[in-house]
Amino acid sequence: PSKTDIENRLYGEELAMLAKRFLRDLHNSATIEASLGDPAGLGPEIVAAAWRALKSTGPVFAVLGDADLLAAFGPVERISDTAHAAAAFASALPVLQSPLDAPVTPGKGDPRHAAAILRWIETGVALCLEGRARALVTAPIAKAPLYE
C-alpha cells in the first residue's frame, strides 16, 4: 500500500474510534426511560417500587406518564427533559409529564387511556433513537383496551 493508503486507513480508524467514544459517552449520560404502562393496572405501583429500590444506588430512570397519578405512590418531580432526571432521582421519581385524558379506576382498563399509553411508548422510542435515553422499559400493558 502507498503512504496515502496507509494515512487514509489510519484516519478512518481514528474517526471510528472517536465515534465509538462519543456514543459511549452519550450512552453513559443518557437515562433509562420507563413507560408507565396501563395506568389502571400494576404499572404505577411497579414503577414507584422500582424507584424506591433504586433511588440511592441507581441506575437513574425517568418515567413517561402522568405525574398526578404517580404522586399517589410517592414523591414525584416533573422534569422537562431527560437530562434533569439524575438531579431529581435521589429525592423524587422524575416524570416527563404526559397526562391522561380520562380518570383512572384501578383494576379496570379503559380504552380512553390507549392514546396516552401509546404516546408514552412512542416518546420513549424517540428518545432512544435520538440518543437521549439508553433504554426503554415498559410497565405491564393491558392490550385489550388498546384495541377497543
N, C-alpha and C. Protein backbone atom coordinates (compact mmCIF):
# COMPACT_ATOMS: atom_id res chain seq x y z
N PRO A 1 0.84 -1.20 0.00
CA PRO A 1 0.00 0.00 0.00
C PRO A 1 0.87 1.26 0.00
N SER A 2 0.32 2.28 -0.57
CA SER A 2 1.05 3.55 -0.63
C SER A 2 0.92 4.29 0.70
N LYS A 3 1.75 5.33 0.82
CA LYS A 3 1.70 6.17 2.02
C LYS A 3 0.31 6.78 2.18
N THR A 4 -0.29 7.23 1.10
CA THR A 4 -1.63 7.82 1.13
C THR A 4 -2.68 6.81 1.58
N ASP A 5 -2.55 5.55 1.10
CA ASP A 5 -3.49 4.50 1.51
C ASP A 5 -3.40 4.26 3.01
N ILE A 6 -2.18 4.22 3.51
CA ILE A 6 -1.98 3.98 4.96
C ILE A 6 -2.53 5.15 5.76
N GLU A 7 -2.26 6.37 5.32
CA GLU A 7 -2.77 7.55 6.02
C GLU A 7 -4.29 7.56 6.03
N ASN A 8 -4.92 7.23 4.90
CA ASN A 8 -6.38 7.20 4.82
C ASN A 8 -6.95 6.13 5.74
N ARG A 9 -6.30 4.98 5.79
CA ARG A 9 -6.77 3.90 6.67
C ARG A 9 -6.66 4.32 8.14
N LEU A 10 -5.53 4.92 8.52
CA LEU A 10 -5.35 5.38 9.90
C LEU A 10 -6.34 6.47 10.25
N TYR A 11 -6.59 7.38 9.31
CA TYR A 11 -7.56 8.44 9.54
C TYR A 11 -8.95 7.85 9.76
N GLY A 12 -9.32 6.87 8.93
CA GLY A 12 -10.61 6.20 9.09
C GLY A 12 -10.74 5.48 10.42
N GLU A 13 -9.67 4.83 10.85
CA GLU A 13 -9.68 4.14 12.15
C GLU A 13 -9.80 5.13 13.30
N GLU A 14 -9.12 6.28 13.16
CA GLU A 14 -9.22 7.30 14.19
C GLU A 14 -10.64 7.85 14.29
N LEU A 15 -11.27 8.10 13.16
CA LEU A 15 -12.66 8.57 13.16
C LEU A 15 -13.59 7.55 13.79
N ALA A 16 -13.37 6.28 13.45
CA ALA A 16 -14.21 5.22 14.02
C ALA A 16 -14.05 5.17 15.54
N MET A 17 -12.80 5.30 16.03
CA MET A 17 -12.56 5.28 17.46
C MET A 17 -13.22 6.47 18.14
N LEU A 18 -13.11 7.65 17.54
CA LEU A 18 -13.75 8.84 18.11
C LEU A 18 -15.27 8.70 18.14
N ALA A 19 -15.83 8.12 17.09
CA ALA A 19 -17.28 7.91 17.05
C ALA A 19 -17.71 6.95 18.15
N LYS A 20 -16.95 5.88 18.36
CA LYS A 20 -17.28 4.94 19.43
C LYS A 20 -17.22 5.61 20.80
N ARG A 21 -16.20 6.43 21.02
CA ARG A 21 -16.09 7.15 22.30
C ARG A 21 -17.27 8.10 22.49
N PHE A 22 -17.64 8.81 21.44
CA PHE A 22 -18.77 9.73 21.52
C PHE A 22 -20.05 8.99 21.89
N LEU A 23 -20.30 7.86 21.23
CA LEU A 23 -21.50 7.09 21.53
C LEU A 23 -21.46 6.52 22.94
N ARG A 24 -20.28 6.06 23.38
CA ARG A 24 -20.15 5.56 24.75
C ARG A 24 -20.48 6.66 25.75
N ASP A 25 -19.89 7.83 25.56
CA ASP A 25 -20.14 8.93 26.47
C ASP A 25 -21.60 9.37 26.44
N LEU A 26 -22.18 9.38 25.26
CA LEU A 26 -23.59 9.74 25.12
C LEU A 26 -24.46 8.76 25.88
N HIS A 27 -24.19 7.48 25.72
CA HIS A 27 -25.00 6.47 26.41
C HIS A 27 -24.78 6.49 27.92
N ASN A 28 -23.58 6.81 28.36
CA ASN A 28 -23.33 6.88 29.80
C ASN A 28 -24.07 8.05 30.43
N SER A 29 -24.32 9.11 29.67
CA SER A 29 -25.01 10.26 30.23
C SER A 29 -26.53 10.16 30.03
N ALA A 30 -26.98 9.26 29.18
CA ALA A 30 -28.41 9.12 28.91
C ALA A 30 -29.07 8.30 30.01
N THR A 31 -30.33 8.57 30.24
CA THR A 31 -31.08 7.84 31.26
C THR A 31 -31.83 6.67 30.64
N ILE A 32 -32.39 5.88 31.51
CA ILE A 32 -33.31 4.83 31.11
C ILE A 32 -34.70 5.44 31.21
N GLU A 33 -35.54 5.18 30.23
CA GLU A 33 -36.92 5.67 30.27
C GLU A 33 -37.84 4.51 30.60
N ALA A 34 -38.82 4.76 31.44
CA ALA A 34 -39.82 3.75 31.78
C ALA A 34 -41.19 4.28 31.40
N SER A 35 -41.86 3.55 30.53
CA SER A 35 -43.23 3.89 30.16
C SER A 35 -44.13 3.40 31.29
N LEU A 36 -45.09 4.20 31.68
CA LEU A 36 -45.94 3.87 32.82
C LEU A 36 -46.77 2.62 32.62
N GLY A 37 -47.00 2.21 31.38
CA GLY A 37 -47.82 1.02 31.15
C GLY A 37 -49.30 1.37 31.28
N ASP A 38 -50.10 0.37 31.68
CA ASP A 38 -51.53 0.61 31.85
C ASP A 38 -51.74 1.34 33.18
N PRO A 39 -52.25 2.57 33.14
CA PRO A 39 -52.42 3.33 34.37
C PRO A 39 -53.41 2.72 35.35
N ALA A 40 -54.29 1.85 34.87
CA ALA A 40 -55.26 1.20 35.75
C ALA A 40 -54.75 -0.14 36.28
N GLY A 41 -53.59 -0.54 35.81
CA GLY A 41 -53.01 -1.82 36.21
C GLY A 41 -51.92 -1.66 37.25
N LEU A 42 -50.93 -2.55 37.19
CA LEU A 42 -49.84 -2.55 38.15
C LEU A 42 -48.71 -1.59 37.80
N GLY A 43 -48.76 -1.01 36.62
CA GLY A 43 -47.68 -0.14 36.16
C GLY A 43 -47.26 0.92 37.16
N PRO A 44 -48.19 1.74 37.67
CA PRO A 44 -47.78 2.79 38.61
C PRO A 44 -47.12 2.22 39.87
N GLU A 45 -47.64 1.13 40.39
CA GLU A 45 -47.05 0.53 41.59
C GLU A 45 -45.67 -0.02 41.32
N ILE A 46 -45.49 -0.67 40.17
CA ILE A 46 -44.20 -1.26 39.83
C ILE A 46 -43.15 -0.17 39.63
N VAL A 47 -43.50 0.88 38.92
CA VAL A 47 -42.57 1.98 38.66
C VAL A 47 -42.17 2.65 39.98
N ALA A 48 -43.13 2.89 40.86
CA ALA A 48 -42.84 3.52 42.15
C ALA A 48 -41.97 2.60 43.02
N ALA A 49 -42.26 1.30 43.01
CA ALA A 49 -41.45 0.36 43.79
C ALA A 49 -40.02 0.28 43.25
N ALA A 50 -39.87 0.33 41.94
CA ALA A 50 -38.52 0.31 41.34
C ALA A 50 -37.74 1.55 41.77
N TRP A 51 -38.40 2.70 41.76
CA TRP A 51 -37.71 3.92 42.18
C TRP A 51 -37.30 3.83 43.65
N ARG A 52 -38.19 3.35 44.52
CA ARG A 52 -37.84 3.23 45.94
C ARG A 52 -36.64 2.31 46.13
N ALA A 53 -36.56 1.26 45.36
CA ALA A 53 -35.45 0.30 45.48
C ALA A 53 -34.14 0.85 44.92
N LEU A 54 -34.22 1.75 43.93
CA LEU A 54 -33.01 2.19 43.23
C LEU A 54 -32.61 3.64 43.51
N LYS A 55 -33.41 4.38 44.27
CA LYS A 55 -33.17 5.82 44.39
C LYS A 55 -31.81 6.18 44.97
N SER A 56 -31.22 5.32 45.78
CA SER A 56 -29.92 5.67 46.35
C SER A 56 -28.74 5.05 45.59
N THR A 57 -29.01 4.07 44.74
CA THR A 57 -27.92 3.39 44.03
C THR A 57 -27.99 3.52 42.52
N GLY A 58 -29.17 3.80 41.99
CA GLY A 58 -29.35 3.84 40.54
C GLY A 58 -29.49 2.44 39.99
N PRO A 59 -29.63 2.29 38.71
CA PRO A 59 -29.46 3.32 37.70
C PRO A 59 -30.63 4.31 37.69
N VAL A 60 -30.32 5.50 37.25
CA VAL A 60 -31.31 6.57 37.15
C VAL A 60 -32.27 6.25 36.01
N PHE A 61 -33.55 6.47 36.27
CA PHE A 61 -34.54 6.37 35.20
C PHE A 61 -35.57 7.46 35.37
N ALA A 62 -36.25 7.76 34.29
CA ALA A 62 -37.35 8.72 34.30
C ALA A 62 -38.58 8.02 33.75
N VAL A 63 -39.73 8.44 34.22
CA VAL A 63 -40.98 7.83 33.80
C VAL A 63 -41.68 8.71 32.77
N LEU A 64 -42.19 8.07 31.75
CA LEU A 64 -43.05 8.72 30.77
C LEU A 64 -44.47 8.40 31.20
N GLY A 65 -45.18 9.39 31.73
CA GLY A 65 -46.51 9.10 32.22
C GLY A 65 -47.16 10.30 32.88
N ASP A 66 -48.15 10.01 33.69
CA ASP A 66 -48.95 11.03 34.35
C ASP A 66 -48.44 11.23 35.78
N ALA A 67 -47.83 12.37 36.04
CA ALA A 67 -47.25 12.65 37.36
C ALA A 67 -48.31 12.70 38.45
N ASP A 68 -49.50 13.21 38.13
CA ASP A 68 -50.55 13.28 39.14
C ASP A 68 -50.96 11.89 39.61
N LEU A 69 -51.04 10.96 38.70
CA LEU A 69 -51.36 9.57 39.06
C LEU A 69 -50.25 8.97 39.92
N LEU A 70 -48.99 9.19 39.53
CA LEU A 70 -47.86 8.62 40.26
C LEU A 70 -47.67 9.24 41.63
N ALA A 71 -48.14 10.46 41.84
CA ALA A 71 -47.97 11.13 43.13
C ALA A 71 -48.65 10.37 44.27
N ALA A 72 -49.63 9.55 43.94
CA ALA A 72 -50.30 8.74 44.97
C ALA A 72 -49.38 7.65 45.53
N PHE A 73 -48.26 7.38 44.84
CA PHE A 73 -47.36 6.30 45.24
C PHE A 73 -46.05 6.80 45.82
N GLY A 74 -45.87 8.10 45.91
CA GLY A 74 -44.64 8.65 46.47
C GLY A 74 -44.30 9.98 45.83
N PRO A 75 -43.18 10.57 46.24
CA PRO A 75 -42.80 11.87 45.70
C PRO A 75 -42.43 11.79 44.22
N VAL A 76 -42.89 12.76 43.46
CA VAL A 76 -42.56 12.85 42.04
C VAL A 76 -42.03 14.26 41.75
N GLU A 77 -41.23 14.34 40.72
CA GLU A 77 -40.79 15.65 40.23
C GLU A 77 -40.97 15.67 38.72
N ARG A 78 -41.77 16.63 38.28
CA ARG A 78 -41.96 16.80 36.84
C ARG A 78 -40.68 17.37 36.25
N ILE A 79 -40.19 16.73 35.21
CA ILE A 79 -39.00 17.22 34.52
C ILE A 79 -39.37 17.53 33.08
N SER A 80 -38.66 18.47 32.50
CA SER A 80 -38.96 18.87 31.12
C SER A 80 -38.05 18.17 30.12
N ASP A 81 -36.98 17.54 30.63
CA ASP A 81 -36.02 16.88 29.75
C ASP A 81 -35.37 15.73 30.52
N THR A 82 -35.02 14.68 29.82
CA THR A 82 -34.40 13.53 30.47
C THR A 82 -33.08 13.91 31.15
N ALA A 83 -32.43 14.97 30.70
CA ALA A 83 -31.17 15.40 31.30
C ALA A 83 -31.35 15.82 32.75
N HIS A 84 -32.57 16.12 33.17
CA HIS A 84 -32.83 16.55 34.54
C HIS A 84 -33.15 15.39 35.49
N ALA A 85 -33.23 14.19 34.97
CA ALA A 85 -33.62 13.04 35.79
C ALA A 85 -32.64 12.76 36.91
N ALA A 86 -31.34 12.82 36.63
CA ALA A 86 -30.34 12.48 37.63
C ALA A 86 -30.40 13.40 38.84
N ALA A 87 -30.63 14.69 38.61
CA ALA A 87 -30.69 15.65 39.71
C ALA A 87 -31.88 15.40 40.63
N ALA A 88 -32.96 14.87 40.11
CA ALA A 88 -34.17 14.64 40.89
C ALA A 88 -34.20 13.27 41.54
N PHE A 89 -33.50 12.30 40.97
CA PHE A 89 -33.72 10.89 41.26
C PHE A 89 -33.60 10.50 42.73
N ALA A 90 -32.66 11.03 43.46
CA ALA A 90 -32.47 10.62 44.85
C ALA A 90 -33.64 11.02 45.75
N SER A 91 -34.34 12.10 45.40
CA SER A 91 -35.40 12.59 46.28
C SER A 91 -36.81 12.41 45.73
N ALA A 92 -36.95 12.21 44.43
CA ALA A 92 -38.28 12.07 43.84
C ALA A 92 -38.19 11.31 42.52
N LEU A 93 -39.28 10.68 42.17
CA LEU A 93 -39.37 9.96 40.90
C LEU A 93 -39.49 10.98 39.77
N PRO A 94 -38.50 11.05 38.87
CA PRO A 94 -38.59 12.01 37.77
C PRO A 94 -39.63 11.57 36.73
N VAL A 95 -40.51 12.47 36.36
CA VAL A 95 -41.58 12.14 35.42
C VAL A 95 -41.60 13.17 34.29
N LEU A 96 -41.50 12.67 33.07
CA LEU A 96 -41.75 13.50 31.89
C LEU A 96 -43.26 13.52 31.74
N GLN A 97 -43.87 14.58 32.19
CA GLN A 97 -45.32 14.67 32.29
C GLN A 97 -46.00 14.58 30.93
N SER A 98 -46.90 13.63 30.86
CA SER A 98 -47.76 13.46 29.70
C SER A 98 -49.09 12.95 30.26
N PRO A 99 -50.01 13.84 30.52
CA PRO A 99 -51.21 13.49 31.29
C PRO A 99 -52.19 12.58 30.55
N LEU A 100 -52.96 11.90 31.35
CA LEU A 100 -54.05 11.06 30.85
C LEU A 100 -55.22 11.94 30.43
N ASP A 101 -56.03 11.39 29.54
CA ASP A 101 -57.20 12.12 29.06
C ASP A 101 -58.47 11.76 29.82
N ALA A 102 -58.39 10.74 30.69
CA ALA A 102 -59.57 10.27 31.41
C ALA A 102 -59.15 9.80 32.80
N PRO A 103 -60.08 9.84 33.76
CA PRO A 103 -59.75 9.37 35.11
C PRO A 103 -59.47 7.87 35.11
N VAL A 104 -58.74 7.44 36.15
CA VAL A 104 -58.35 6.03 36.28
C VAL A 104 -59.17 5.36 37.37
N THR A 105 -59.69 4.19 37.05
CA THR A 105 -60.31 3.32 38.04
C THR A 105 -59.39 2.12 38.18
N PRO A 106 -58.68 1.99 39.32
CA PRO A 106 -57.73 0.89 39.47
C PRO A 106 -58.38 -0.46 39.18
N GLY A 107 -57.67 -1.26 38.40
CA GLY A 107 -58.14 -2.61 38.07
C GLY A 107 -59.07 -2.68 36.87
N LYS A 108 -59.44 -1.54 36.31
CA LYS A 108 -60.35 -1.53 35.16
C LYS A 108 -59.71 -0.80 33.99
N GLY A 109 -59.21 -1.59 33.04
CA GLY A 109 -58.63 -0.99 31.84
C GLY A 109 -59.67 -0.16 31.12
N ASP A 110 -59.22 0.91 30.52
CA ASP A 110 -60.14 1.84 29.87
C ASP A 110 -59.58 2.22 28.50
N PRO A 111 -60.36 2.02 27.43
CA PRO A 111 -59.86 2.38 26.11
C PRO A 111 -59.54 3.87 25.96
N ARG A 112 -60.06 4.70 26.83
CA ARG A 112 -59.75 6.13 26.79
C ARG A 112 -58.28 6.40 27.18
N HIS A 113 -57.62 5.39 27.77
CA HIS A 113 -56.20 5.53 28.14
C HIS A 113 -55.27 5.11 27.01
N ALA A 114 -55.81 4.50 25.97
CA ALA A 114 -54.98 3.93 24.89
C ALA A 114 -54.07 4.98 24.25
N ALA A 115 -54.59 6.15 23.97
CA ALA A 115 -53.76 7.18 23.32
C ALA A 115 -52.57 7.56 24.18
N ALA A 116 -52.79 7.70 25.48
CA ALA A 116 -51.69 8.06 26.38
C ALA A 116 -50.66 6.93 26.47
N ILE A 117 -51.12 5.70 26.59
CA ILE A 117 -50.21 4.56 26.68
C ILE A 117 -49.32 4.51 25.43
N LEU A 118 -49.93 4.65 24.27
CA LEU A 118 -49.15 4.63 23.02
C LEU A 118 -48.23 5.84 22.91
N ARG A 119 -48.69 6.99 23.36
CA ARG A 119 -47.87 8.21 23.32
C ARG A 119 -46.62 8.04 24.19
N TRP A 120 -46.78 7.42 25.37
CA TRP A 120 -45.64 7.22 26.26
C TRP A 120 -44.60 6.31 25.61
N ILE A 121 -45.07 5.24 24.98
CA ILE A 121 -44.14 4.31 24.32
C ILE A 121 -43.47 5.00 23.13
N GLU A 122 -44.23 5.69 22.32
CA GLU A 122 -43.65 6.38 21.16
C GLU A 122 -42.63 7.43 21.57
N THR A 123 -42.91 8.15 22.64
CA THR A 123 -41.96 9.14 23.14
C THR A 123 -40.68 8.47 23.59
N GLY A 124 -40.80 7.35 24.31
CA GLY A 124 -39.63 6.62 24.76
C GLY A 124 -38.78 6.11 23.62
N VAL A 125 -39.42 5.58 22.59
CA VAL A 125 -38.69 5.10 21.42
C VAL A 125 -37.95 6.27 20.76
N ALA A 126 -38.62 7.40 20.63
CA ALA A 126 -37.99 8.57 20.01
C ALA A 126 -36.78 9.03 20.83
N LEU A 127 -36.90 9.04 22.15
CA LEU A 127 -35.77 9.45 22.99
C LEU A 127 -34.59 8.50 22.83
N CYS A 128 -34.86 7.22 22.69
CA CYS A 128 -33.78 6.24 22.47
C CYS A 128 -33.13 6.46 21.11
N LEU A 129 -33.93 6.66 20.09
CA LEU A 129 -33.38 6.86 18.75
C LEU A 129 -32.56 8.15 18.66
N GLU A 130 -32.94 9.15 19.45
CA GLU A 130 -32.20 10.42 19.47
C GLU A 130 -30.94 10.34 20.32
N GLY A 131 -30.77 9.24 21.07
CA GLY A 131 -29.62 9.10 21.95
C GLY A 131 -29.79 9.79 23.29
N ARG A 132 -30.98 10.29 23.59
CA ARG A 132 -31.24 10.96 24.86
C ARG A 132 -31.64 9.98 25.94
N ALA A 133 -31.94 8.75 25.56
CA ALA A 133 -32.23 7.67 26.50
C ALA A 133 -31.46 6.45 26.02
N ARG A 134 -30.99 5.67 26.97
CA ARG A 134 -30.22 4.49 26.55
C ARG A 134 -31.05 3.23 26.50
N ALA A 135 -32.25 3.28 27.07
CA ALA A 135 -33.13 2.12 27.03
C ALA A 135 -34.55 2.56 27.35
N LEU A 136 -35.48 1.74 26.92
CA LEU A 136 -36.89 1.95 27.23
C LEU A 136 -37.43 0.68 27.85
N VAL A 137 -38.04 0.83 29.01
CA VAL A 137 -38.68 -0.27 29.71
C VAL A 137 -40.16 0.08 29.80
N THR A 138 -41.02 -0.88 29.53
CA THR A 138 -42.44 -0.60 29.69
C THR A 138 -42.99 -1.38 30.87
N ALA A 139 -43.77 -0.71 31.68
CA ALA A 139 -44.51 -1.41 32.73
C ALA A 139 -45.62 -2.21 32.03
N PRO A 140 -46.22 -3.16 32.72
CA PRO A 140 -47.24 -4.01 32.07
C PRO A 140 -48.36 -3.20 31.41
N ILE A 141 -48.77 -3.70 30.26
CA ILE A 141 -49.82 -3.06 29.47
C ILE A 141 -50.94 -4.06 29.24
N ALA A 142 -52.18 -3.66 29.53
CA ALA A 142 -53.33 -4.48 29.16
C ALA A 142 -53.63 -4.17 27.70
N LYS A 143 -53.50 -5.15 26.86
CA LYS A 143 -53.65 -4.90 25.42
C LYS A 143 -55.09 -4.75 24.95
N ALA A 144 -56.03 -5.37 25.63
CA ALA A 144 -57.42 -5.30 25.19
C ALA A 144 -57.94 -3.87 25.05
N PRO A 145 -57.69 -2.98 26.02
CA PRO A 145 -58.19 -1.60 25.86
C PRO A 145 -57.56 -0.86 24.69
N LEU A 146 -56.40 -1.32 24.24
CA LEU A 146 -55.75 -0.66 23.09
C LEU A 146 -56.49 -0.93 21.80
N TYR A 147 -57.24 -2.02 21.76
CA TYR A 147 -57.94 -2.42 20.53
C TYR A 147 -59.42 -2.04 20.54
N GLU A 148 -59.92 -1.56 21.65
CA GLU A 148 -61.36 -1.24 21.75
C GLU A 148 -61.66 0.11 21.12
